[in-house]
Amino acid sequence: MTAAPVISVRGLRKAYGATEAVRGVDLDVRPGEIFGLLGPNGAGKTTTVEILEGYRGRSAGEVRVLGHDPADGDPAFRDRIGIVLQSTGVERHLTAAEAVALYAGYYARPRPAAELLELVGLGGSADVRVGRLSGGQRRRLDLAIALAGSPEIVFLDEPTTGFDPSARRDAWGLIRRLADDGTTVLLTTHFMDEAQVLADRLAVIVDGRIVAEGTPAEVVARVPAPTTIAFRLPDGAVPPADLSVDADPERPGRFLARTEEPTPLLHRITTWAVGAGLALDELSVTRPTLEETYLSLTGHAPEAEAAPDPGIGRRRRGRR
């Protein structure tokens, strides 16, 4: 992907009085990619996204989204983006089909409500009132509404909250298909597996600054962490001391080794086991995960609750 970025940010700052929520963020998002923006609550993530959407003004810096300055409030810009908020105010008395049709009417290139509902897996719930939909179904409806105008960029804020594992996988497939069809996706999520599976590139923001950026693999590589080799031996068998393998204190008969050079150590372990005529049962090699890297970078678990970004109020869906 070598085309000019569809989102370009330089030196972005946002202050609320004496509190600076965003402190010099630089960011590029390319056409058709899924870009993940990660960070604990209060890190400046939501403020940054709201500035990109045109919902919130900035204190300093340059921002271009699809060639527009979002702060201008240009209707032509609004017509080219879709947004899935963390919480929305879709009218509960409308049916799902009526809600989608209502919002589709705001756009110059609306997609048919029936097509959108089928796309997000709500085809059988078109006549169900919004107030009677489950939490996961309402999130699907939010996504259908975000796609109502055939947007070029979709902002997805925690899009799979309330989904069961099967529904999350279905949503991941839909998001990937959107990107494959050329839609750019900016994703915020607290699910690290979601970011690792979906994001082509991602950035981690902490205290208003980006502390890591790249592909998920590149971000994981930024923070050195050992790989874990684990295996089980027959009763009474013990690895030689020169392998530097420790007994698992929680699982008798199982052994663990942690190393930043897993390939030579794994070779030594398997060579010893073959020579000793021993089977390495339950052998596993676990590399550092994005979640472990995130914890190291932020000091927060992905689910951690913290103070919200200052100045953020509840947004209701609609044309601003």
Protein backbone atom coordinates (compact mmCIF):
# COMPACT_ATOMS: atom_id res chain seq x y z
CA MET A 1 0.00 0.00 0.00
CA THR A 2 1.90 3.00 -1.33
CA ALA A 3 -0.98 5.41 -2.01
CA ALA A 4 -1.18 8.70 -0.14
CA PRO A 5 -2.67 8.31 3.36
CA VAL A 6 -6.41 8.87 3.77
CA ILE A 7 -5.77 10.01 7.35
CA SER A 8 -2.76 12.22 8.03
CA VAL A 9 -2.02 13.73 11.45
CA ARG A 10 0.97 15.86 12.43
CA GLY A 11 1.69 17.35 15.82
CA LEU A 12 -1.87 16.84 17.10
CA ARG A 13 -2.54 18.35 20.51
CA LYS A 14 -5.68 18.72 22.58
CA ALA A 15 -5.83 20.46 25.95
CA TYR A 16 -8.72 20.83 28.38
CA GLY A 17 -7.62 23.72 30.53
CA ALA A 18 -4.35 22.71 32.17
CA THR A 19 -4.81 19.07 31.18
CA GLU A 20 -3.24 18.02 27.89
CA ALA A 21 -5.00 14.87 26.69
CA VAL A 22 -3.16 14.55 23.36
CA ARG A 23 0.49 15.62 23.14
CA GLY A 24 1.96 15.75 19.67
CA VAL A 25 0.51 12.72 17.90
CA ASP A 26 1.73 11.92 14.35
CA LEU A 27 -0.25 9.33 12.44
CA ASP A 28 -0.85 8.07 8.89
CA VAL A 29 -3.55 5.61 7.84
CA ARG A 30 -3.40 4.16 4.35
CA PRO A 31 -6.30 3.44 1.99
CA GLY A 32 -7.97 0.08 2.54
CA GLU A 33 -6.08 -0.90 5.68
CA ILE A 34 -7.38 -1.77 9.11
CA PHE A 35 -5.54 0.46 11.56
CA GLY A 36 -5.85 -0.27 15.28
CA LEU A 37 -5.51 2.47 17.88
CA LEU A 38 -4.89 0.95 21.31
CA GLY A 39 -4.47 2.46 24.73
CA PRO A 40 -5.91 2.45 28.24
CA ASN A 41 -8.90 4.61 29.08
CA GLY A 42 -7.74 8.16 29.65
CA ALA A 43 -4.69 7.83 27.35
CA GLY A 44 -6.06 10.19 24.67
CA LYS A 45 -7.29 7.51 22.30
CA THR A 46 -10.94 8.57 22.21
CA THR A 47 -10.07 12.27 21.99
CA THR A 48 -7.83 11.55 18.99
CA VAL A 49 -10.55 9.58 17.21
CA GLU A 50 -13.17 12.24 17.93
CA ILE A 51 -10.92 14.88 16.38
CA LEU A 52 -10.53 12.71 13.27
CA GLU A 53 -14.31 12.31 13.08
CA GLY A 54 -14.82 16.07 13.35
CA TYR A 55 -16.71 15.72 16.60
CA ARG A 56 -14.08 17.52 18.70
CA GLY A 57 -11.79 20.46 17.90
CA ARG A 58 -8.04 20.38 18.38
CA SER A 59 -5.72 22.76 20.19
CA ALA A 60 -2.85 22.46 17.68
CA GLY A 61 -1.55 20.39 14.83
CA GLU A 62 -2.54 19.45 11.29
CA VAL A 63 -5.26 16.91 10.50
CA ARG A 64 -6.49 15.70 7.12
CA VAL A 65 -9.07 12.97 6.60
CA LEU A 66 -9.92 12.19 2.97
CA GLY A 67 -8.31 15.50 2.13
CA HIS A 68 -10.62 17.46 4.46
CA ASP A 69 -9.96 19.22 7.74
CA PRO A 70 -12.58 17.51 9.94
CA ALA A 71 -12.93 20.69 12.03
CA ASP A 72 -14.55 22.47 9.06
CA GLY A 73 -17.73 20.41 9.35
CA ASP A 74 -17.98 20.02 5.57
CA PRO A 75 -21.11 17.98 4.66
CA ALA A 76 -19.17 16.37 1.83
CA PHE A 77 -16.74 15.00 4.42
CA ARG A 78 -19.54 13.68 6.64
CA ASP A 79 -21.00 11.87 3.65
CA ARG A 80 -17.80 9.85 3.20
CA ILE A 81 -17.33 8.43 6.71
CA GLY A 82 -19.18 5.98 8.93
CA ILE A 83 -18.99 5.75 12.71
CA VAL A 84 -19.75 3.01 15.25
CA LEU A 85 -19.77 4.59 18.71
CA GLN A 86 -19.29 2.84 22.06
CA SER A 87 -22.86 3.76 22.98
CA THR A 88 -25.56 5.06 20.69
CA GLY A 89 -29.03 6.54 20.87
CA VAL A 90 -30.92 4.65 18.17
CA GLU A 91 -34.64 5.12 18.72
CA ARG A 92 -35.93 2.05 20.58
CA HIS A 93 -39.44 2.12 19.09
CA LEU A 94 -38.24 1.80 15.48
CA THR A 95 -37.74 -1.57 13.86
CA ALA A 96 -34.23 -2.48 12.78
CA ALA A 97 -35.17 -1.87 9.13
CA GLU A 98 -36.75 1.50 9.95
CA ALA A 99 -33.68 2.60 11.93
CA VAL A 100 -31.30 1.75 9.10
CA ALA A 101 -33.53 3.38 6.49
CA LEU A 102 -33.80 6.53 8.63
CA TYR A 103 -30.05 7.03 8.81
CA ALA A 104 -29.45 5.91 5.24
CA GLY A 105 -31.64 8.82 4.19
CA TYR A 106 -28.99 11.27 5.36
CA TYR A 107 -26.51 10.15 2.71
CA ALA A 108 -26.06 10.85 -0.97
CA ARG A 109 -25.26 7.20 -1.76
CA PRO A 110 -27.40 5.14 0.62
CA ARG A 111 -27.38 1.37 0.60
CA PRO A 112 -30.72 -0.47 0.89
CA ALA A 113 -31.67 -1.29 4.47
CA ALA A 114 -32.42 -4.93 3.65
CA GLU A 115 -28.96 -5.34 2.10
CA LEU A 116 -27.24 -3.81 5.13
CA LEU A 117 -29.16 -5.95 7.60
CA GLU A 118 -28.25 -9.09 5.67
CA LEU A 119 -24.64 -7.96 5.58
CA VAL A 120 -24.39 -7.73 9.38
CA GLY A 121 -26.43 -10.85 10.10
CA LEU A 122 -29.73 -9.18 11.05
CA GLY A 123 -31.72 -10.14 7.99
CA GLY A 124 -34.15 -12.16 10.11
CA SER A 125 -34.65 -9.30 12.59
CA ALA A 126 -35.67 -6.55 10.18
CA ASP A 127 -39.11 -6.16 11.78
CA VAL A 128 -37.91 -6.42 15.41
CA ARG A 129 -37.98 -3.17 17.36
CA VAL A 130 -34.61 -1.88 18.48
CA GLY A 131 -35.61 -2.03 22.15
CA ARG A 132 -36.14 -5.78 21.84
CA LEU A 133 -32.78 -6.56 20.24
CA SER A 134 -30.05 -8.15 22.35
CA GLY A 135 -26.88 -6.23 23.14
CA GLY A 136 -24.95 -8.05 20.43
CA GLN A 137 -27.73 -7.46 17.91
CA ARG A 138 -27.73 -3.75 18.68
CA ARG A 139 -24.00 -3.62 17.99
CA ARG A 140 -24.69 -5.29 14.62
CA LEU A 141 -27.33 -2.66 13.98
CA ASP A 142 -24.80 0.07 14.84
CA LEU A 143 -22.48 -1.36 12.20
CA ALA A 144 -25.27 -1.51 9.61
CA ILE A 145 -26.04 2.17 10.26
CA ALA A 146 -22.34 3.09 10.00
CA LEU A 147 -22.27 1.48 6.55
CA ALA A 148 -25.50 3.08 5.38
CA GLY A 149 -23.77 5.73 3.28
CA SER A 150 -21.20 3.47 1.57
CA PRO A 151 -18.39 5.18 3.54
CA GLU A 152 -14.77 5.29 2.44
CA ILE A 153 -13.59 5.27 6.07
CA VAL A 154 -15.32 3.56 8.99
CA PHE A 155 -14.44 4.43 12.59
CA LEU A 156 -15.16 1.42 14.80
CA ASP A 157 -15.11 2.10 18.56
CA GLU A 158 -15.19 -1.20 20.48
CA PRO A 159 -17.35 -2.79 17.73
CA THR A 160 -17.68 -6.28 19.24
CA THR A 161 -18.61 -5.33 22.80
CA GLY A 162 -21.41 -7.64 23.93
CA PHE A 163 -20.73 -10.27 21.25
CA ASP A 164 -20.38 -13.96 22.08
CA PRO A 165 -17.26 -15.68 20.66
CA SER A 166 -19.05 -16.88 17.53
CA ALA A 167 -20.53 -13.44 16.82
CA ARG A 168 -17.12 -11.83 17.35
CA ARG A 169 -15.59 -14.12 14.72
CA ASP A 170 -18.42 -13.27 12.31
CA ALA A 171 -17.83 -9.55 12.93
CA TRP A 172 -14.11 -9.98 12.31
CA GLY A 173 -14.89 -11.59 8.96
CA LEU A 174 -17.17 -8.69 8.03
CA ILE A 175 -14.56 -6.08 9.02
CA ARG A 176 -11.91 -7.86 6.99
CA ARG A 177 -14.24 -8.02 3.97
CA LEU A 178 -14.83 -4.27 4.25
CA ALA A 179 -11.09 -3.66 4.05
CA ASP A 180 -10.70 -6.15 1.22
CA ASP A 181 -13.34 -4.16 -0.70
CA GLY A 182 -11.32 -0.97 -0.23
CA THR A 183 -12.92 0.56 2.88
CA THR A 184 -10.43 1.99 5.36
CA VAL A 185 -11.12 0.97 8.96
CA LEU A 186 -9.87 2.76 12.06
CA LEU A 187 -10.45 0.39 14.97
CA THR A 188 -10.26 1.00 18.70
CA THR A 189 -10.58 -2.06 20.91
CA HIS A 190 -9.60 -3.42 24.30
CA PHE A 191 -9.51 -6.97 22.93
CA MET A 192 -5.87 -7.65 22.10
CA ASP A 193 -6.71 -10.81 20.14
CA GLU A 194 -9.06 -8.70 18.02
CA ALA A 195 -6.31 -6.19 17.28
CA GLN A 196 -3.77 -8.91 16.56
CA VAL A 197 -6.10 -10.72 14.15
CA LEU A 198 -7.55 -7.70 12.35
CA ALA A 199 -5.07 -4.83 12.32
CA ASP A 200 -2.73 -4.44 9.37
CA ARG A 201 -0.94 -1.84 11.48
CA LEU A 202 -1.57 -0.38 14.90
CA ALA A 203 -0.41 2.29 17.32
CA VAL A 204 -0.35 2.26 21.11
CA ILE A 205 -1.07 5.59 22.79
CA VAL A 206 -0.12 6.29 26.41
CA ASP A 207 -0.50 9.61 28.22
CA GLY A 208 -1.39 11.36 24.98
CA ARG A 209 1.65 10.13 23.04
CA ILE A 210 2.16 7.23 20.64
CA VAL A 211 4.72 4.87 22.18
CA ALA A 212 4.74 2.12 19.53
CA GLU A 213 3.53 1.79 15.94
CA GLY A 214 3.76 -0.82 13.19
CA THR A 215 2.35 -4.19 12.29
CA PRO A 216 1.29 -6.30 15.29
CA ALA A 217 4.46 -8.35 14.89
CA GLU A 218 6.62 -5.22 14.76
CA VAL A 219 4.99 -3.80 17.88
CA VAL A 220 5.48 -7.08 19.76
CA ALA A 221 9.13 -7.07 18.71
CA ARG A 222 9.60 -3.59 20.20
CA VAL A 223 9.51 -5.00 23.73
CA PRO A 224 11.95 -7.88 24.27
CA ALA A 225 10.21 -10.74 26.08
CA PRO A 226 11.14 -14.41 26.41
CA THR A 227 9.52 -17.29 24.56
CA THR A 228 8.22 -20.10 26.78
CA ILE A 229 8.95 -23.73 25.93
CA ALA A 230 6.85 -26.20 27.93
CA PHE A 231 6.63 -29.99 27.93
CA ARG A 232 5.76 -32.98 30.12
CA LEU A 233 8.06 -35.93 30.88
CA PRO A 234 7.27 -39.44 32.11
CA ASP A 235 7.22 -39.92 35.89
CA GLY A 236 10.71 -39.72 37.37
CA ALA A 237 12.38 -38.18 34.32
CA VAL A 238 14.19 -34.89 34.86
CA PRO A 239 16.02 -32.73 32.27
CA PRO A 240 19.77 -32.25 32.82
CA ALA A 241 20.80 -29.08 34.59
CA ASP A 242 22.66 -27.67 31.58
CA LEU A 243 19.36 -27.25 29.70
CA SER A 244 18.24 -24.59 32.22
CA VAL A 245 14.73 -26.04 32.37
CA ASP A 246 12.66 -25.57 35.53
CA ALA A 247 9.87 -27.67 36.98
CA ASP A 248 6.44 -26.08 36.68
CA PRO A 249 5.47 -25.38 40.32
CA GLU A 250 1.77 -25.59 39.48
CA ARG A 251 1.76 -28.75 37.34
CA PRO A 252 3.83 -31.73 38.54
CA GLY A 253 5.67 -33.52 35.76
CA ARG A 254 5.67 -30.45 33.52
CA PHE A 255 8.75 -28.36 32.78
CA LEU A 256 9.28 -24.81 31.56
CA ALA A 257 12.10 -22.91 29.91
CA ARG A 258 12.04 -19.20 29.07
CA THR A 259 14.47 -17.84 26.53
CA GLU A 260 14.94 -15.08 23.97
CA GLU A 261 16.58 -17.63 21.65
CA PRO A 262 14.00 -20.44 21.41
CA THR A 263 15.31 -22.23 18.30
CA PRO A 264 18.71 -23.42 19.66
CA LEU A 265 17.25 -24.26 23.07
CA LEU A 266 14.40 -26.27 21.53
CA HIS A 267 16.99 -28.14 19.44
CA ARG A 268 19.00 -28.98 22.54
CA ILE A 269 15.91 -30.16 24.44
CA THR A 270 14.65 -32.39 21.62
CA THR A 271 18.15 -33.77 20.97
CA TRP A 272 18.45 -34.74 24.63
CA ALA A 273 14.95 -36.30 24.68
CA VAL A 274 15.59 -38.37 21.54
CA GLY A 275 18.93 -39.57 22.93
CA ALA A 276 17.29 -40.51 26.22
CA GLY A 277 14.37 -42.25 24.49
CA LEU A 278 11.85 -39.91 26.13
CA ALA A 279 8.68 -38.43 24.68
CA LEU A 280 8.05 -34.71 25.18
CA ASP A 281 4.32 -34.76 25.79
CA GLU A 282 2.30 -31.54 25.56
CA LEU A 283 5.24 -29.79 23.93
CA SER A 284 4.44 -26.14 23.23
CA VAL A 285 6.36 -23.04 22.17
CA THR A 286 4.61 -19.82 23.18
CA ARG A 287 5.95 -16.56 21.83
CA PRO A 288 5.19 -13.17 23.41
CA THR A 289 1.70 -11.91 22.62
CA LEU A 290 0.39 -8.47 21.76
CA GLU A 291 -1.37 -8.43 25.13
CA GLU A 292 1.90 -8.97 26.99
CA THR A 293 3.53 -6.21 24.94
CA TYR A 294 0.57 -3.91 25.61
CA LEU A 295 0.90 -4.53 29.34
CA SER A 296 4.59 -3.69 29.19
CA LEU A 297 4.02 -0.51 27.18
CA THR A 298 1.05 0.83 29.12
CA GLY A 299 1.19 -0.70 32.59
CA HIS A 300 -2.53 -1.46 32.21
CA ALA A 301 -4.44 -4.64 31.50
CA PRO A 302 -6.58 -4.23 28.36
CA GLU A 303 -9.77 -4.35 30.43
CA ALA A 304 -8.55 -1.83 33.00
CA GLU A 305 -10.91 1.00 33.84
CA ALA A 306 -9.46 4.46 34.23
CA ALA A 307 -10.69 8.00 34.20
CA PRO A 308 -12.17 8.98 30.84
CA ASP A 309 -10.56 11.57 28.62
CA PRO A 310 -11.47 15.00 30.01
CA GLY A 311 -14.32 16.80 28.31
CA ILE A 312 -15.87 13.72 26.74
CA GLY A 313 -19.63 13.59 26.90
CA ARG A 314 -22.06 11.03 25.57
CA ARG A 315 -22.47 11.26 21.83
CA ARG A 316 -25.67 10.41 20.11
CA ARG A 317 -25.69 9.18 16.58
CA GLY A 318 -26.72 11.60 13.91
CA ARG A 319 -25.50 14.09 11.39
CA ARG A 320 -23.54 16.80 13.14
